[in-house]
Amino acid sequence: MHKYHFIKIICLLIFGFINQNSSIASDEEDKDTLESIKQWVPARLHDESTLTKIRDLIDGETHTKIENNPDDNGDYGFSMAYVNAAQRDYLQLIKEMYESTHKRPQTIDVGAGHGFMTRNALIAGGKVHALEQQKPTYEALRQKVGGAKEFLAEGETIASLCKVLTFNAFRLKDKQEYKEHYDYCWAGNIIHLMAPTQAKELVSILFQVTKPGGIVYATAHSAGSIPSAVELFYENKAKGIECPGYMFLNRTIYRRYEFTGKQSNIRIEDGQALPFISEQEETPPSSEKHGLYGEGQTDIKWIAETTDSEGYIAKRHVHTIMHFFNPESLTHIFKAQGFDIEDAYYIGNDGEKVPFELSEDELKQNRYSVAVKAKKPSIN
């Protein structure tokens, strides 16, 4: 055999072996994903075809953001599409009560965003109130929850199982019909948009609307991946500041404007984190203050930087208010309002739990979120 042909055959064999192993690995990954979905969907949906549909529904989604209208300076935030460890645990609780009682538990999604968790809670077996105050986001939410329709039991409808509440979360305290109404509450990525007094008030409201023995899950941003914010968090913690993650974050936002009218943010540069002296501290001169839940924004001024034949790039400087957490500071707020803490942890980029303790250097390297599972004590 010619040397060239021999090498070619060897290469083909190696290539085939690699492809075969890649295929096996892909099949194993698919099985793991379906098994993960099985944990939180009712047994009537456990056939492989239905599980695959649910997987494809979730995998086909991306983190979404409603683009700002040129005449509207509102920032409606991102909604996260995947199912992380905290979401999976929460959905599993819904499923277990649904299957054990043959009734859908009462649940609420506070700050429902684009409706990913609302839809998933419907699939898991919940009856859901989705609380979303922003009208543009509310419209996206209504479309998203429709994806649960084919996974409902016979005779059930989205309209009978899902109610969208279009008001500020703080108004729940004034509505007696929701007092001790919910078996399970989800407050995903909303509390870090609140000043300390707001965060405490929200958790107090969650305690009020949760049934005795009910469970609340909340997630929030940590300062992870922003070195100056991590450093300030630890400095504040060392000083004994009750909410060490409450701070200004200098940001420069660059946006691309095309002459066709299309616009999009192209990058955000996080600069120096700045401490608050108090919650009433004024915004630094000539700066914008963003970030507090339920508050409007000032007029935004963009400064043109570069121009080409199709459009231009502009930038603006803002001071964004953030309230970063670690597991300790998040559990502190829930304990203070009367909850018993059942679990608290970081969630990594892969969506899975990471050790409770992370070093300052580890937090600087990666973006983490924080989750808490809190239980309202039962009445003796």
Protein backbone atom coordinates (compact mmCIF):
# COMPACT_ATOMS: atom_id res chain seq x y z
CA MET A 1 0.00 0.00 0.00
CA HIS A 2 1.26 3.45 -0.86
CA LYS A 3 2.34 5.43 2.21
CA TYR A 4 -0.04 8.29 1.32
CA HIS A 5 -3.07 5.97 1.15
CA PHE A 6 -2.12 4.34 4.44
CA ILE A 7 -1.97 7.75 6.20
CA LYS A 8 -5.29 8.76 4.60
CA ILE A 9 -7.00 5.59 5.91
CA ILE A 10 -5.60 6.17 9.41
CA CYS A 11 -6.86 9.77 9.34
CA LEU A 12 -10.31 8.67 8.20
CA LEU A 13 -10.47 6.07 10.98
CA ILE A 14 -9.46 8.65 13.59
CA PHE A 15 -11.97 11.16 12.21
CA GLY A 16 -14.73 8.56 12.30
CA PHE A 17 -13.83 7.59 15.87
CA ILE A 18 -13.96 11.25 16.98
CA ASN A 19 -17.32 11.76 15.25
CA GLN A 20 -18.71 8.62 16.84
CA ASN A 21 -17.62 9.72 20.30
CA SER A 22 -18.98 13.23 19.72
CA SER A 23 -22.30 11.71 18.72
CA ILE A 24 -22.34 9.53 21.84
CA ALA A 25 -21.51 12.55 24.02
CA SER A 26 -24.28 14.55 22.36
CA ASP A 27 -26.79 11.74 22.95
CA GLU A 28 -25.76 11.54 26.61
CA GLU A 29 -26.16 15.31 26.97
CA ASP A 30 -29.65 15.12 25.44
CA LYS A 31 -30.58 12.37 27.90
CA ASP A 32 -29.30 14.45 30.83
CA THR A 33 -31.34 17.45 29.65
CA LEU A 34 -34.53 15.41 29.34
CA GLU A 35 -33.93 13.88 32.79
CA SER A 36 -33.48 17.37 34.19
CA ILE A 37 -36.80 18.48 32.67
CA LYS A 38 -38.48 15.36 34.08
CA GLN A 39 -37.70 16.66 37.57
CA TRP A 40 -40.13 19.56 37.21
CA VAL A 41 -42.84 18.51 34.75
CA PRO A 42 -45.79 16.28 35.70
CA ALA A 43 -45.61 12.56 34.93
CA ARG A 44 -48.30 12.88 32.24
CA LEU A 45 -45.70 14.83 30.20
CA HIS A 46 -42.86 12.33 30.61
CA ASP A 47 -43.04 10.68 27.20
CA GLU A 48 -39.90 11.41 25.22
CA SER A 49 -41.73 13.31 22.47
CA THR A 50 -43.29 15.79 24.91
CA LEU A 51 -40.08 16.21 26.91
CA THR A 52 -38.25 16.93 23.67
CA LYS A 53 -40.82 19.60 22.76
CA ILE A 54 -40.31 21.29 26.13
CA ARG A 55 -36.54 21.06 25.75
CA ASP A 56 -36.69 22.56 22.26
CA LEU A 57 -38.99 25.32 23.52
CA ILE A 58 -36.42 26.34 26.15
CA ASP A 59 -33.28 25.70 24.08
CA GLY A 60 -34.67 27.70 21.17
CA GLU A 61 -34.95 30.81 23.30
CA THR A 62 -32.36 33.45 24.06
CA HIS A 63 -32.08 36.11 26.72
CA THR A 64 -34.43 38.80 25.47
CA LYS A 65 -34.62 42.54 25.78
CA ILE A 66 -37.23 44.97 24.52
CA GLU A 67 -35.42 47.61 22.53
CA ASN A 68 -35.99 51.18 23.63
CA ASN A 69 -38.39 53.20 21.51
CA PRO A 70 -36.56 56.30 20.19
CA ASP A 71 -39.20 58.41 21.96
CA ASP A 72 -39.06 56.41 25.18
CA ASN A 73 -35.99 56.37 27.43
CA GLY A 74 -37.23 53.42 29.49
CA ASP A 75 -34.91 50.47 29.97
CA TYR A 76 -37.02 47.34 30.28
CA GLY A 77 -34.18 44.99 31.22
CA PHE A 78 -33.31 41.47 30.16
CA SER A 79 -35.23 38.26 30.74
CA MET A 80 -33.22 35.06 31.11
CA ALA A 81 -34.38 32.07 29.08
CA TYR A 82 -32.66 29.06 30.64
CA VAL A 83 -33.77 27.02 33.69
CA ASN A 84 -31.13 27.37 36.39
CA ALA A 85 -30.76 25.41 39.65
CA ALA A 86 -33.03 27.68 41.71
CA GLN A 87 -35.71 27.76 39.02
CA ARG A 88 -35.59 23.98 38.67
CA ASP A 89 -35.99 23.49 42.44
CA TYR A 90 -38.90 25.96 42.55
CA LEU A 91 -40.67 24.33 39.60
CA GLN A 92 -40.16 20.91 41.18
CA LEU A 93 -42.02 22.06 44.31
CA ILE A 94 -44.95 23.15 42.14
CA LYS A 95 -44.99 19.83 40.31
CA GLU A 96 -44.84 17.80 43.54
CA MET A 97 -47.80 19.63 45.12
CA TYR A 98 -49.78 19.39 41.88
CA GLU A 99 -49.27 15.63 41.67
CA SER A 100 -49.79 14.92 45.38
CA THR A 101 -52.96 17.01 45.79
CA HIS A 102 -54.30 16.82 42.21
CA LYS A 103 -54.82 20.59 42.47
CA ARG A 104 -52.73 23.39 41.04
CA PRO A 105 -50.92 25.33 43.78
CA GLN A 106 -51.36 29.10 43.85
CA THR A 107 -48.14 30.80 42.72
CA ILE A 108 -46.94 34.29 41.87
CA ASP A 109 -44.11 35.47 39.64
CA VAL A 110 -43.05 38.91 40.96
CA GLY A 111 -41.34 40.93 38.24
CA ALA A 112 -42.34 38.37 35.62
CA GLY A 113 -40.47 40.09 32.78
CA HIS A 114 -41.02 38.34 29.46
CA GLY A 115 -42.79 35.38 31.06
CA PHE A 116 -40.26 32.53 30.91
CA MET A 117 -40.86 31.45 34.52
CA THR A 118 -44.60 32.15 34.33
CA ARG A 119 -44.89 29.79 31.37
CA ASN A 120 -42.69 27.14 33.00
CA ALA A 121 -44.70 27.31 36.24
CA LEU A 122 -47.88 26.66 34.21
CA ILE A 123 -46.24 23.62 32.61
CA ALA A 124 -45.05 22.39 36.04
CA GLY A 125 -48.62 22.44 37.36
CA GLY A 126 -49.09 25.87 38.93
CA LYS A 127 -51.87 28.40 38.79
CA VAL A 128 -49.94 31.61 38.24
CA HIS A 129 -50.32 35.30 38.88
CA ALA A 130 -47.67 37.14 36.85
CA LEU A 131 -46.86 40.58 38.24
CA GLU A 132 -45.30 42.93 35.67
CA GLN A 133 -45.70 46.70 35.85
CA GLN A 134 -44.05 47.68 32.54
CA LYS A 135 -46.54 47.74 29.67
CA PRO A 136 -44.05 46.91 26.84
CA THR A 137 -42.79 43.92 28.85
CA TYR A 138 -46.35 42.91 29.71
CA GLU A 139 -47.15 42.48 26.01
CA ALA A 140 -44.11 40.20 25.56
CA LEU A 141 -45.20 38.22 28.64
CA ARG A 142 -48.69 37.60 27.27
CA GLN A 143 -47.22 36.11 24.10
CA LYS A 144 -44.70 33.96 25.98
CA VAL A 145 -47.18 32.26 28.31
CA GLY A 146 -49.10 31.02 25.28
CA GLY A 147 -46.29 28.50 24.80
CA ALA A 148 -47.68 26.48 27.73
CA LYS A 149 -51.00 25.80 26.02
CA GLU A 150 -50.20 22.43 24.47
CA PHE A 151 -48.85 21.11 27.80
CA LEU A 152 -52.00 21.80 29.83
CA ALA A 153 -54.40 19.07 30.88
CA GLU A 154 -57.58 18.48 28.92
CA GLY A 155 -60.13 21.24 29.50
CA GLU A 156 -57.62 23.70 30.94
CA THR A 157 -56.96 27.09 29.35
CA ILE A 158 -54.27 29.74 29.77
CA ALA A 159 -56.94 32.30 30.64
CA SER A 160 -58.26 30.19 33.52
CA LEU A 161 -54.81 29.43 34.95
CA CYS A 162 -52.80 32.62 34.43
CA LYS A 163 -53.66 36.16 35.50
CA VAL A 164 -51.34 39.05 34.65
CA LEU A 165 -51.24 41.80 37.28
CA THR A 166 -50.09 45.08 35.77
CA PHE A 167 -49.15 47.10 38.80
CA ASN A 168 -46.16 47.90 41.00
CA ALA A 169 -45.14 45.07 43.36
CA PHE A 170 -45.48 47.34 46.40
CA ARG A 171 -49.21 47.68 45.76
CA LEU A 172 -49.72 44.04 46.78
CA LYS A 173 -49.67 45.12 50.44
CA ASP A 174 -52.88 47.12 49.91
CA LYS A 175 -54.80 44.26 48.29
CA GLN A 176 -56.39 42.07 50.94
CA GLU A 177 -57.44 39.43 48.40
CA TYR A 178 -53.78 38.40 48.08
CA LYS A 179 -53.03 38.09 51.80
CA GLU A 180 -51.72 34.57 52.53
CA HIS A 181 -52.90 33.60 49.04
CA TYR A 182 -49.84 31.88 47.55
CA ASP A 183 -48.27 28.48 48.17
CA TYR A 184 -45.13 29.46 46.27
CA CYS A 185 -43.65 32.83 45.30
CA TRP A 186 -40.92 33.52 42.76
CA ALA A 187 -39.06 36.86 42.78
CA GLY A 188 -36.38 36.51 40.13
CA ASN A 189 -33.77 39.22 39.54
CA ILE A 190 -35.83 42.10 40.87
CA ILE A 191 -34.55 42.77 44.39
CA HIS A 192 -31.15 44.03 43.19
CA LEU A 193 -33.01 46.92 41.51
CA MET A 194 -34.16 48.18 44.91
CA ALA A 195 -32.75 50.43 47.57
CA PRO A 196 -32.40 48.73 51.00
CA THR A 197 -35.69 50.13 52.31
CA GLN A 198 -37.47 48.96 49.14
CA ALA A 199 -35.88 45.49 49.34
CA LYS A 200 -37.01 45.10 52.95
CA GLU A 201 -40.50 46.25 52.04
CA LEU A 202 -40.72 43.78 49.16
CA VAL A 203 -39.67 40.86 51.37
CA SER A 204 -42.20 41.99 53.99
CA ILE A 205 -44.89 41.94 51.28
CA LEU A 206 -43.80 38.46 50.17
CA PHE A 207 -44.20 37.32 53.78
CA GLN A 208 -47.68 38.86 53.84
CA VAL A 209 -48.93 37.18 50.64
CA THR A 210 -47.41 33.74 51.29
CA LYS A 211 -49.47 31.09 53.05
CA PRO A 212 -48.10 29.74 56.37
CA GLY A 213 -45.71 26.96 55.40
CA GLY A 214 -45.33 28.42 51.91
CA ILE A 215 -42.03 28.90 50.11
CA VAL A 216 -40.44 31.96 48.51
CA TYR A 217 -37.51 31.79 46.10
CA ALA A 218 -35.60 34.95 45.20
CA THR A 219 -32.59 35.53 42.98
CA ALA A 220 -30.41 38.62 42.64
CA HIS A 221 -27.17 39.79 41.07
CA SER A 222 -23.88 39.57 42.89
CA ALA A 223 -21.06 42.02 42.16
CA GLY A 224 -19.28 39.21 40.31
CA SER A 225 -17.13 40.13 37.28
CA ILE A 226 -16.97 43.85 38.19
CA PRO A 227 -13.72 44.13 40.20
CA SER A 228 -14.34 47.60 41.68
CA ALA A 229 -17.85 46.57 42.79
CA VAL A 230 -16.54 43.40 44.43
CA GLU A 231 -13.88 45.40 46.27
CA LEU A 232 -16.41 47.99 47.47
CA PHE A 233 -18.79 45.22 48.59
CA TYR A 234 -16.10 43.71 50.83
CA GLU A 235 -15.03 47.14 52.10
CA ASN A 236 -18.62 47.95 53.08
CA LYS A 237 -19.02 44.52 54.68
CA ALA A 238 -15.87 45.04 56.77
CA LYS A 239 -17.29 48.37 58.00
CA GLY A 240 -20.42 46.59 59.21
CA ILE A 241 -22.73 48.25 56.66
CA GLU A 242 -26.02 46.34 56.71
CA CYS A 243 -26.47 46.31 52.91
CA PRO A 244 -22.87 46.26 51.61
CA GLY A 245 -23.86 45.87 47.97
CA TYR A 246 -25.82 49.13 47.64
CA MET A 247 -23.73 51.41 45.43
CA PHE A 248 -23.41 53.63 42.39
CA LEU A 249 -21.80 52.04 39.34
CA ASN A 250 -20.24 54.37 36.79
CA ARG A 251 -21.08 53.17 33.31
CA THR A 252 -20.40 54.29 29.76
CA ILE A 253 -22.91 52.96 27.26
CA TYR A 254 -22.23 52.97 23.53
CA ARG A 255 -25.11 52.77 21.07
CA ARG A 256 -25.20 52.35 17.33
CA TYR A 257 -27.74 54.53 15.46
CA GLU A 258 -28.40 53.72 11.81
CA PHE A 259 -29.94 56.26 9.46
CA THR A 260 -32.70 53.72 8.76
CA GLY A 261 -33.93 54.30 12.32
CA LYS A 262 -32.57 51.08 13.81
CA GLN A 263 -30.62 51.42 17.06
CA SER A 264 -28.85 49.01 19.39
CA ASN A 265 -26.48 49.05 22.34
CA ILE A 266 -23.11 47.73 21.23
CA ARG A 267 -21.27 47.64 24.54
CA ILE A 268 -21.39 48.75 28.16
CA GLU A 269 -18.20 49.59 30.03
CA ASP A 270 -18.39 49.27 33.81
CA GLY A 271 -16.18 51.85 35.45
CA GLN A 272 -15.54 52.64 39.09
CA ALA A 273 -18.08 51.64 41.75
CA LEU A 274 -18.92 54.48 44.14
CA PRO A 275 -20.34 54.19 47.66
CA PHE A 276 -23.53 55.74 48.98
CA ILE A 277 -23.38 57.87 52.10
CA SER A 278 -27.09 57.31 52.60
CA GLU A 279 -30.12 56.29 50.57
CA GLN A 280 -31.00 59.96 50.18
CA GLU A 281 -27.64 60.90 48.66
CA GLU A 282 -27.98 63.12 45.62
CA THR A 283 -26.73 62.06 42.21
CA PRO A 284 -23.31 63.53 41.37
CA PRO A 285 -23.56 66.75 39.29
CA SER A 286 -24.27 66.31 35.55
CA SER A 287 -24.86 62.61 36.01
CA GLU A 288 -27.93 60.41 35.59
CA LYS A 289 -29.23 58.13 38.29
CA HIS A 290 -30.77 54.84 37.13
CA GLY A 291 -31.78 51.63 38.78
CA LEU A 292 -34.42 52.14 41.45
CA TYR A 293 -37.47 49.93 40.96
CA GLY A 294 -40.60 51.81 39.99
CA GLU A 295 -38.92 55.17 39.36
CA GLY A 296 -38.78 56.98 36.05
CA GLN A 297 -35.61 58.13 34.32
CA THR A 298 -34.33 61.55 33.52
CA ASP A 299 -33.93 62.74 29.93
CA ILE A 300 -31.02 60.88 28.40
CA LYS A 301 -28.35 62.77 26.50
CA TRP A 302 -26.28 60.92 23.93
CA ILE A 303 -22.97 62.32 22.66
CA ALA A 304 -22.08 61.45 19.05
CA GLU A 305 -18.62 59.91 18.70
CA THR A 306 -18.11 58.57 15.18
CA THR A 307 -20.10 58.74 11.94
CA ASP A 308 -20.03 56.68 8.75
CA SER A 309 -22.18 56.32 5.64
CA GLU A 310 -24.81 54.18 7.43
CA GLY A 311 -25.10 55.86 10.79
CA TYR A 312 -23.18 56.89 13.88
CA ILE A 313 -22.08 55.70 17.32
CA ALA A 314 -23.00 57.73 20.39
CA LYS A 315 -22.18 57.31 24.07
CA ARG A 316 -23.55 58.43 27.41
CA HIS A 317 -22.27 58.31 30.98
CA VAL A 318 -24.57 57.15 33.75
CA HIS A 319 -24.45 56.36 37.43
CA THR A 320 -26.49 53.17 37.74
CA ILE A 321 -27.80 52.31 41.18
CA MET A 322 -27.23 48.65 41.98
CA HIS A 323 -27.87 46.58 45.07
CA PHE A 324 -25.56 43.57 44.81
CA PHE A 325 -25.88 40.60 47.16
CA ASN A 326 -24.07 37.57 48.46
CA PRO A 327 -25.92 34.66 50.14
CA GLU A 328 -25.35 36.16 53.60
CA SER A 329 -26.74 39.63 52.81
CA LEU A 330 -29.75 38.22 50.93
CA THR A 331 -30.68 35.82 53.74
CA HIS A 332 -30.31 38.66 56.27
CA ILE A 333 -33.22 40.57 54.69
CA PHE A 334 -35.46 37.49 54.61
CA LYS A 335 -34.67 36.49 58.22
CA ALA A 336 -35.41 40.02 59.41
CA GLN A 337 -38.92 39.80 57.94
CA GLY A 338 -39.74 36.52 59.70
CA PHE A 339 -38.76 33.85 57.15
CA ASP A 340 -36.88 30.66 57.98
CA ILE A 341 -33.99 30.11 55.54
CA GLU A 342 -33.90 26.67 53.94
CA ASP A 343 -31.08 27.28 51.44
CA ALA A 344 -28.89 30.04 50.00
CA TYR A 345 -26.16 29.80 47.39
CA TYR A 346 -24.40 31.29 44.38
CA ILE A 347 -25.38 30.24 40.86
CA GLY A 348 -22.60 30.07 38.26
CA ASN A 349 -22.58 30.85 34.56
CA ASP A 350 -23.64 27.26 33.86
CA GLY A 351 -26.82 27.78 35.88
CA GLU A 352 -25.79 25.35 38.61
CA LYS A 353 -25.14 25.82 42.33
CA VAL A 354 -21.60 26.71 43.45
CA PRO A 355 -20.14 26.60 47.00
CA PHE A 356 -21.57 29.05 49.51
CA GLU A 357 -18.18 30.61 50.11
CA LEU A 358 -16.42 32.28 47.19
CA SER A 359 -13.28 34.32 47.60
CA GLU A 360 -13.04 37.95 46.59
CA ASP A 361 -10.74 37.00 43.71
CA GLU A 362 -13.14 34.31 42.48
CA LEU A 363 -16.01 36.79 42.43
CA LYS A 364 -13.95 39.22 40.36
CA GLN A 365 -13.40 36.61 37.65
CA ASN A 366 -16.97 35.51 36.87
CA ARG A 367 -20.55 36.71 36.91
CA TYR A 368 -22.64 35.01 39.60
CA SER A 369 -26.19 35.35 40.78
CA VAL A 370 -27.43 34.59 44.29
CA ALA A 371 -30.47 32.54 45.31
CA VAL A 372 -32.36 32.08 48.56
CA LYS A 373 -35.10 29.61 49.49
CA ALA A 374 -37.15 30.94 52.41
CA LYS A 375 -40.11 29.40 54.24
CA LYS A 376 -42.88 31.22 56.06
CA PRO A 377 -43.30 29.46 59.42
CA SER A 378 -46.39 27.30 59.78
CA ILE A 379 -49.04 28.19 62.34
CA ASN A 380 -48.79 25.86 65.34
